Amino acid sequence: MRPRKYPYSGRPKLIRQALPRFILLGNIAFNRDLVKYIDTMKQVAPNQTIVYFKIPKFLSHEEKHVRVPLEIDEVVKILNR
């Protein structure tokens, strides 16, 4: 049997897309994929932690930091979930 020239049947097809998952730390949310790029965490005040990221780029890496209004223990508990 020869394949049809125009195979569209008119029936709608279901396309599933994965929604991005976010991690909420205080008032900051970032993509779950960034967790593997966390380099260090440092508590700078009683309720303030800085999370440093090293994001790989082509033949290099980009360094970013995020200031989170939580204690370091709470940040680690959230990230380990």
PDB file of N, CA and C in Angstrom:
ATOM      1  N   MET A   1       0.821  -1.173   0.000  1.00  0.00           N
ATOM      2  CA  MET A   1       0.000   0.000   0.000  1.00  0.00           C
ATOM      3  C   MET A   1       0.875   1.251   0.000  1.00  0.00           C
ATOM      4  N   ARG A   2       0.495   2.198  -0.759  1.00  0.00           N
ATOM      5  CA  ARG A   2       1.242   3.435  -0.873  1.00  0.00           C
ATOM      6  C   ARG A   2       0.906   4.394   0.281  1.00  0.00           C
ATOM      7  N   PRO A   3       1.908   5.092   0.869  1.00  0.00           N
ATOM      8  CA  PRO A   3       1.590   6.048   1.935  1.00  0.00           C
ATOM      9  C   PRO A   3       0.776   7.225   1.392  1.00  0.00           C
ATOM     10  N   ARG A   4      -0.050   7.765   2.246  1.00  0.00           N
ATOM     11  CA  ARG A   4      -0.897   8.881   1.834  1.00  0.00           C
ATOM     12  C   ARG A   4      -0.074  10.136   1.603  1.00  0.00           C
ATOM     13  N   LYS A   5      -0.508  10.939   0.678  1.00  0.00           N
ATOM     14  CA  LYS A   5       0.221  12.160   0.356  1.00  0.00           C
ATOM     15  C   LYS A   5       0.074  13.189   1.477  1.00  0.00           C
ATOM     16  N   TYR A   6      -1.116  13.293   2.064  1.00  0.00           N
ATOM     17  CA  TYR A   6      -1.375  14.223   3.166  1.00  0.00           C
ATOM     18  C   TYR A   6      -1.898  13.413   4.355  1.00  0.00           C
ATOM     19  N   PRO A   7      -1.021  12.993   5.274  1.00  0.00           N
ATOM     20  CA  PRO A   7      -1.443  12.063   6.326  1.00  0.00           C
ATOM     21  C   PRO A   7      -2.213  12.703   7.482  1.00  0.00           C
ATOM     22  N   TYR A   8      -2.489  14.000   7.464  1.00  0.00           N
ATOM     23  CA  TYR A   8      -3.193  14.640   8.574  1.00  0.00           C
ATOM     24  C   TYR A   8      -4.631  14.140   8.637  1.00  0.00           C
ATOM     25  N   SER A   9      -5.028  13.624   9.798  1.00  0.00           N
ATOM     26  CA  SER A   9      -6.369  13.060   9.925  1.00  0.00           C
ATOM     27  C   SER A   9      -7.367  14.054  10.510  1.00  0.00           C
ATOM     28  N   GLY A  10      -6.905  15.197  11.004  1.00  0.00           N
ATOM     29  CA  GLY A  10      -7.809  16.174  11.588  1.00  0.00           C
ATOM     30  C   GLY A  10      -8.060  15.956  13.063  1.00  0.00           C
ATOM     31  N   ARG A  11      -7.560  14.873  13.623  1.00  0.00           N
ATOM     32  CA  ARG A  11      -7.753  14.578  15.033  1.00  0.00           C
ATOM     33  C   ARG A  11      -6.692  15.311  15.855  1.00  0.00           C
ATOM     34  N   PRO A  12      -7.069  16.021  16.925  1.00  0.00           N
ATOM     35  CA  PRO A  12      -6.063  16.705  17.750  1.00  0.00           C
ATOM     36  C   PRO A  12      -5.207  15.683  18.497  1.00  0.00           C
ATOM     37  N   LYS A  13      -3.923  15.974  18.604  1.00  0.00           N
ATOM     38  CA  LYS A  13      -2.993  15.088  19.297  1.00  0.00           C
ATOM     39  C   LYS A  13      -2.588  15.722  20.619  1.00  0.00           C
ATOM     40  N   LEU A  14      -2.399  14.895  21.611  1.00  0.00           N
ATOM     41  CA  LEU A  14      -2.003  15.352  22.928  1.00  0.00           C
ATOM     42  C   LEU A  14      -0.483  15.455  22.984  1.00  0.00           C
ATOM     43  N   ILE A  15       0.010  16.630  23.303  1.00  0.00           N
ATOM     44  CA  ILE A  15       1.448  16.851  23.424  1.00  0.00           C
ATOM     45  C   ILE A  15       1.734  17.195  24.878  1.00  0.00           C
ATOM     46  N   ARG A  16       2.537  16.379  25.509  1.00  0.00           N
ATOM     47  CA  ARG A  16       2.878  16.612  26.917  1.00  0.00           C
ATOM     48  C   ARG A  16       4.219  17.322  27.004  1.00  0.00           C
ATOM     49  N   GLN A  17       4.236  18.389  27.773  1.00  0.00           N
ATOM     50  CA  GLN A  17       5.473  19.118  27.999  1.00  0.00           C
ATOM     51  C   GLN A  17       5.738  19.122  29.492  1.00  0.00           C
ATOM     52  N   ALA A  18       6.977  18.888  29.852  1.00  0.00           N
ATOM     53  CA  ALA A  18       7.348  18.903  31.255  1.00  0.00           C
ATOM     54  C   ALA A  18       7.485  20.353  31.718  1.00  0.00           C
ATOM     55  N   LEU A  19       6.781  20.683  32.774  1.00  0.00           N
ATOM     56  CA  LEU A  19       6.875  22.028  33.320  1.00  0.00           C
ATOM     57  C   LEU A  19       8.138  22.144  34.160  1.00  0.00           C
ATOM     58  N   PRO A  20       8.769  23.307  34.180  1.00  0.00           N
ATOM     59  CA  PRO A  20       9.970  23.459  35.003  1.00  0.00           C
ATOM     60  C   PRO A  20       9.617  23.397  36.484  1.00  0.00           C
ATOM     61  N   ARG A  21      10.469  22.755  37.251  1.00  0.00           N
ATOM     62  CA  ARG A  21      10.258  22.656  38.691  1.00  0.00           C
ATOM     63  C   ARG A  21      11.168  23.655  39.366  1.00  0.00           C
ATOM     64  N   PHE A  22      10.625  24.373  40.325  1.00  0.00           N
ATOM     65  CA  PHE A  22      11.372  25.414  41.013  1.00  0.00           C
ATOM     66  C   PHE A  22      11.537  25.065  42.480  1.00  0.00           C
ATOM     67  N   ILE A  23      12.626  25.576  43.060  1.00  0.00           N
ATOM     68  CA  ILE A  23      12.896  25.425  44.483  1.00  0.00           C
ATOM     69  C   ILE A  23      12.750  26.800  45.106  1.00  0.00           C
ATOM     70  N   LEU A  24      11.934  26.896  46.156  1.00  0.00           N
ATOM     71  CA  LEU A  24      11.661  28.166  46.810  1.00  0.00           C
ATOM     72  C   LEU A  24      12.500  28.271  48.072  1.00  0.00           C
ATOM     73  N   LEU A  25      13.331  29.302  48.136  1.00  0.00           N
ATOM     74  CA  LEU A  25      14.147  29.593  49.312  1.00  0.00           C
ATOM     75  C   LEU A  25      13.807  31.012  49.762  1.00  0.00           C
ATOM     76  N   GLY A  26      12.982  31.128  50.778  1.00  0.00           N
ATOM     77  CA  GLY A  26      12.572  32.457  51.239  1.00  0.00           C
ATOM     78  C   GLY A  26      11.751  33.150  50.175  1.00  0.00           C
ATOM     79  N   ASN A  27      12.263  34.264  49.659  1.00  0.00           N
ATOM     80  CA  ASN A  27      11.545  34.996  48.610  1.00  0.00           C
ATOM     81  C   ASN A  27      12.210  34.827  47.251  1.00  0.00           C
ATOM     82  N   ILE A  28      13.062  33.813  47.105  1.00  0.00           N
ATOM     83  CA  ILE A  28      13.789  33.560  45.860  1.00  0.00           C
ATOM     84  C   ILE A  28      13.476  32.143  45.391  1.00  0.00           C
ATOM     85  N   ALA A  29      13.212  32.002  44.102  1.00  0.00           N
ATOM     86  CA  ALA A  29      12.975  30.680  43.519  1.00  0.00           C
ATOM     87  C   ALA A  29      13.904  30.508  42.329  1.00  0.00           C
ATOM     88  N   PHE A  30      14.491  29.317  42.202  1.00  0.00           N
ATOM     89  CA  PHE A  30      15.331  29.030  41.045  1.00  0.00           C
ATOM     90  C   PHE A  30      15.034  27.629  40.548  1.00  0.00           C
ATOM     91  N   ASN A  31      15.452  27.373  39.323  1.00  0.00           N
ATOM     92  CA  ASN A  31      15.167  26.110  38.654  1.00  0.00           C
ATOM     93  C   ASN A  31      15.865  24.952  39.363  1.00  0.00           C
ATOM     94  N   ARG A  32      15.201  23.807  39.400  1.00  0.00           N
ATOM     95  CA  ARG A  32      15.748  22.629  40.074  1.00  0.00           C
ATOM     96  C   ARG A  32      17.047  22.148  39.437  1.00  0.00           C
ATOM     97  N   ASP A  33      17.238  22.429  38.152  1.00  0.00           N
ATOM     98  CA  ASP A  33      18.453  21.988  37.471  1.00  0.00           C
ATOM     99  C   ASP A  33      19.696  22.714  37.973  1.00  0.00           C
ATOM    100  N   LEU A  34      19.534  23.869  38.608  1.00  0.00           N
ATOM    101  CA  LEU A  34      20.686  24.621  39.104  1.00  0.00           C
ATOM    102  C   LEU A  34      21.264  24.039  40.392  1.00  0.00           C
ATOM    103  N   VAL A  35      20.570  23.101  41.024  1.00  0.00           N
ATOM    104  CA  VAL A  35      21.061  22.538  42.288  1.00  0.00           C
ATOM    105  C   VAL A  35      22.403  21.848  42.092  1.00  0.00           C
ATOM    106  N   LYS A  36      22.604  21.200  40.947  1.00  0.00           N
ATOM    107  CA  LYS A  36      23.866  20.490  40.731  1.00  0.00           C
ATOM    108  C   LYS A  36      25.039  21.437  40.501  1.00  0.00           C
ATOM    109  N   TYR A  37      24.777  22.728  40.305  1.00  0.00           N
ATOM    110  CA  TYR A  37      25.848  23.702  40.089  1.00  0.00           C
ATOM    111  C   TYR A  37      26.167  24.518  41.336  1.00  0.00           C
ATOM    112  N   ILE A  38      25.594  24.167  42.500  1.00  0.00           N
ATOM    113  CA  ILE A  38      25.904  24.892  43.733  1.00  0.00           C
ATOM    114  C   ILE A  38      27.329  24.561  44.137  1.00  0.00           C
ATOM    115  N   ASP A  39      28.120  25.614  44.353  1.00  0.00           N
ATOM    116  CA  ASP A  39      29.518  25.433  44.730  1.00  0.00           C
ATOM    117  C   ASP A  39      29.664  25.505  46.246  1.00  0.00           C
ATOM    118  N   THR A  40      29.267  26.612  46.844  1.00  0.00           N
ATOM    119  CA  THR A  40      29.377  26.776  48.294  1.00  0.00           C
ATOM    120  C   THR A  40      28.170  27.536  48.823  1.00  0.00           C
ATOM    121  N   MET A  41      27.973  27.419  50.139  1.00  0.00           N
ATOM    122  CA  MET A  41      26.961  28.199  50.846  1.00  0.00           C
ATOM    123  C   MET A  41      27.633  28.815  52.056  1.00  0.00           C
ATOM    124  N   LYS A  42      27.281  30.056  52.345  1.00  0.00           N
ATOM    125  CA  LYS A  42      27.949  30.775  53.423  1.00  0.00           C
ATOM    126  C   LYS A  42      26.920  31.596  54.184  1.00  0.00           C
ATOM    127  N   GLN A  43      26.907  31.451  55.517  1.00  0.00           N
ATOM    128  CA  GLN A  43      25.987  32.240  56.330  1.00  0.00           C
ATOM    129  C   GLN A  43      26.694  33.528  56.723  1.00  0.00           C
ATOM    130  N   VAL A  44      26.105  34.667  56.363  1.00  0.00           N
ATOM    131  CA  VAL A  44      26.741  35.962  56.602  1.00  0.00           C
ATOM    132  C   VAL A  44      26.080  36.731  57.730  1.00  0.00           C
ATOM    133  N   ALA A  45      24.876  36.366  58.113  1.00  0.00           N
ATOM    134  CA  ALA A  45      24.149  37.007  59.209  1.00  0.00           C
ATOM    135  C   ALA A  45      23.243  35.945  59.829  1.00  0.00           C
ATOM    136  N   PRO A  46      22.631  36.244  60.983  1.00  0.00           N
ATOM    137  CA  PRO A  46      21.783  35.218  61.610  1.00  0.00           C
ATOM    138  C   PRO A  46      20.669  34.681  60.711  1.00  0.00           C
ATOM    139  N   ASN A  47      20.078  35.502  59.881  1.00  0.00           N
ATOM    140  CA  ASN A  47      19.015  35.033  58.986  1.00  0.00           C
ATOM    141  C   ASN A  47      19.347  35.337  57.539  1.00  0.00           C
ATOM    142  N   GLN A  48      20.589  35.149  57.159  1.00  0.00           N
ATOM    143  CA  GLN A  48      20.976  35.448  55.783  1.00  0.00           C
ATOM    144  C   GLN A  48      22.088  34.496  55.334  1.00  0.00           C
ATOM    145  N   THR A  49      21.862  33.867  54.177  1.00  0.00           N
ATOM    146  CA  THR A  49      22.809  32.915  53.611  1.00  0.00           C
ATOM    147  C   THR A  49      23.065  33.292  52.164  1.00  0.00           C
ATOM    148  N   ILE A  50      24.309  33.134  51.719  1.00  0.00           N
ATOM    149  CA  ILE A  50      24.654  33.363  50.320  1.00  0.00           C
ATOM    150  C   ILE A  50      24.963  32.008  49.695  1.00  0.00           C
ATOM    151  N   VAL A  51      24.308  31.726  48.565  1.00  0.00           N
ATOM    152  CA  VAL A  51      24.522  30.486  47.819  1.00  0.00           C
ATOM    153  C   VAL A  51      25.284  30.848  46.555  1.00  0.00           C
ATOM    154  N   TYR A  52      26.449  30.215  46.354  1.00  0.00           N
ATOM    155  CA  TYR A  52      27.287  30.485  45.188  1.00  0.00           C
ATOM    156  C   TYR A  52      27.108  29.369  44.161  1.00  0.00           C
ATOM    157  N   PHE A  53      26.894  29.761  42.910  1.00  0.00           N
ATOM    158  CA  PHE A  53      26.748  28.823  41.803  1.00  0.00           C
ATOM    159  C   PHE A  53      27.946  28.948  40.878  1.00  0.00           C
ATOM    160  N   LYS A  54      28.404  27.831  40.326  1.00  0.00           N
ATOM    161  CA  LYS A  54      29.383  27.812  39.238  1.00  0.00           C
ATOM    162  C   LYS A  54      28.713  27.112  38.067  1.00  0.00           C
ATOM    163  N   ILE A  55      28.220  27.901  37.129  1.00  0.00           N
ATOM    164  CA  ILE A  55      27.474  27.379  35.988  1.00  0.00           C
ATOM    165  C   ILE A  55      28.434  27.201  34.824  1.00  0.00           C
ATOM    166  N   PRO A  56      28.591  25.978  34.311  1.00  0.00           N
ATOM    167  CA  PRO A  56      29.546  25.763  33.217  1.00  0.00           C
ATOM    168  C   PRO A  56      29.090  26.421  31.922  1.00  0.00           C
ATOM    169  N   LYS A  57      30.021  27.078  31.296  1.00  0.00           N
ATOM    170  CA  LYS A  57      29.831  27.642  29.961  1.00  0.00           C
ATOM    171  C   LYS A  57      30.849  26.962  29.055  1.00  0.00           C
ATOM    172  N   PHE A  58      30.882  27.322  27.813  1.00  0.00           N
ATOM    173  CA  PHE A  58      31.809  26.705  26.869  1.00  0.00           C
ATOM    174  C   PHE A  58      33.249  27.015  27.266  1.00  0.00           C
ATOM    175  N   LEU A  59      34.026  25.988  27.654  1.00  0.00           N
ATOM    176  CA  LEU A  59      35.432  26.078  28.073  1.00  0.00           C
ATOM    177  C   LEU A  59      35.647  27.006  29.258  1.00  0.00           C
ATOM    178  N   SER A  60      34.628  27.235  30.077  1.00  0.00           N
ATOM    179  CA  SER A  60      34.746  28.148  31.206  1.00  0.00           C
ATOM    180  C   SER A  60      33.565  27.902  32.145  1.00  0.00           C
ATOM    181  N   HIS A  61      33.417  28.754  33.151  1.00  0.00           N
ATOM    182  CA  HIS A  61      32.236  28.715  33.999  1.00  0.00           C
ATOM    183  C   HIS A  61      31.876  30.135  34.422  1.00  0.00           C
ATOM    184  N   GLU A  62      30.615  30.307  34.751  1.00  0.00           N
ATOM    185  CA  GLU A  62      30.099  31.603  35.169  1.00  0.00           C
ATOM    186  C   GLU A  62      29.758  31.513  36.650  1.00  0.00           C
ATOM    187  N   GLU A  63      30.178  32.488  37.427  1.00  0.00           N
ATOM    188  CA  GLU A  63      29.914  32.480  38.860  1.00  0.00           C
ATOM    189  C   GLU A  63      28.789  33.449  39.179  1.00  0.00           C
ATOM    190  N   LYS A  64      27.806  32.959  39.923  1.00  0.00           N
ATOM    191  CA  LYS A  64      26.681  33.784  40.361  1.00  0.00           C
ATOM    192  C   LYS A  64      26.447  33.502  41.831  1.00  0.00           C
ATOM    193  N   HIS A  65      25.855  34.466  42.526  1.00  0.00           N
ATOM    194  CA  HIS A  65      25.495  34.237  43.916  1.00  0.00           C
ATOM    195  C   HIS A  65      24.088  34.767  44.179  1.00  0.00           C
ATOM    196  N   VAL A  66      23.430  34.135  45.153  1.00  0.00           N
ATOM    197  CA  VAL A  66      22.067  34.485  45.526  1.00  0.00           C
ATOM    198  C   VAL A  66      22.037  34.674  47.031  1.00  0.00           C
ATOM    199  N   ARG A  67      21.459  35.784  47.473  1.00  0.00           N
ATOM    200  CA  ARG A  67      21.320  36.064  48.903  1.00  0.00           C
ATOM    201  C   ARG A  67      19.935  35.598  49.350  1.00  0.00           C
ATOM    202  N   VAL A  68      19.913  34.658  50.298  1.00  0.00           N
ATOM    203  CA  VAL A  68      18.670  34.025  50.746  1.00  0.00           C
ATOM    204  C   VAL A  68      18.386  34.451  52.182  1.00  0.00           C
ATOM    205  N   PRO A  69      17.153  34.901  52.486  1.00  0.00           N
ATOM    206  CA  PRO A  69      16.836  35.342  53.854  1.00  0.00           C
ATOM    207  C   PRO A  69      16.450  34.189  54.788  1.00  0.00           C
ATOM    208  N   LEU A  70      17.270  33.152  54.838  1.00  0.00           N
ATOM    209  CA  LEU A  70      17.045  32.006  55.725  1.00  0.00           C
ATOM    210  C   LEU A  70      18.371  31.603  56.357  1.00  0.00           C
ATOM    211  N   GLU A  71      18.275  30.846  57.455  1.00  0.00           N
ATOM    212  CA  GLU A  71      19.495  30.308  58.052  1.00  0.00           C
ATOM    213  C   GLU A  71      20.023  29.172  57.188  1.00  0.00           C
ATOM    214  N   ILE A  72      21.310  28.880  57.335  1.00  0.00           N
ATOM    215  CA  ILE A  72      21.941  27.868  56.478  1.00  0.00           C
ATOM    216  C   ILE A  72      21.353  26.478  56.732  1.00  0.00           C
ATOM    217  N   ASP A  73      20.937  26.190  57.974  1.00  0.00           N
ATOM    218  CA  ASP A  73      20.329  24.883  58.262  1.00  0.00           C
ATOM    219  C   ASP A  73      19.032  24.684  57.478  1.00  0.00           C
ATOM    220  N   GLU A  74      18.215  25.728  57.417  1.00  0.00           N
ATOM    221  CA  GLU A  74      16.954  25.627  56.679  1.00  0.00           C
ATOM    222  C   GLU A  74      17.201  25.488  55.178  1.00  0.00           C
ATOM    223  N   VAL A  75      18.211  26.183  54.664  1.00  0.00           N
ATOM    224  CA  VAL A  75      18.538  26.095  53.238  1.00  0.00           C
ATOM    225  C   VAL A  75      18.974  24.679  52.886  1.00  0.00           C
ATOM    226  N   VAL A  76      19.809  24.084  53.715  1.00  0.00           N
ATOM    227  CA  VAL A  76      20.287  22.719  53.459  1.00  0.00           C
ATOM    228  C   VAL A  76      19.134  21.717  53.539  1.00  0.00           C
ATOM    229  N   LYS A  77      18.222  21.896  54.499  1.00  0.00           N
ATOM    230  CA  LYS A  77      17.065  20.992  54.603  1.00  0.00           C
ATOM    231  C   LYS A  77      16.195  21.064  53.351  1.00  0.00           C
ATOM    232  N   ILE A  78      15.967  22.283  52.846  1.00  0.00           N
ATOM    233  CA  ILE A  78      15.139  22.445  51.650  1.00  0.00           C
ATOM    234  C   ILE A  78      15.818  21.821  50.436  1.00  0.00           C
ATOM    235  N   LEU A  79      17.119  22.027  50.288  1.00  0.00           N
ATOM    236  CA  LEU A  79      17.836  21.508  49.125  1.00  0.00           C
ATOM    237  C   LEU A  79      17.988  19.992  49.164  1.00  0.00           C
ATOM    238  N   ASN A  80      18.016  19.399  50.345  1.00  0.00           N
ATOM    239  CA  ASN A  80      18.171  17.946  50.452  1.00  0.00           C
ATOM    240  C   ASN A  80      16.862  17.189  50.256  1.00  0.00           C
ATOM    241  N   ARG A  81      15.741  17.879  50.176  1.00  0.00           N
ATOM    242  CA  ARG A  81      14.455  17.204  49.945  1.00  0.00           C
ATOM    243  C   ARG A  81      14.380  16.623  48.568  1.00  0.00           C
TER     244      ARG A  81
END
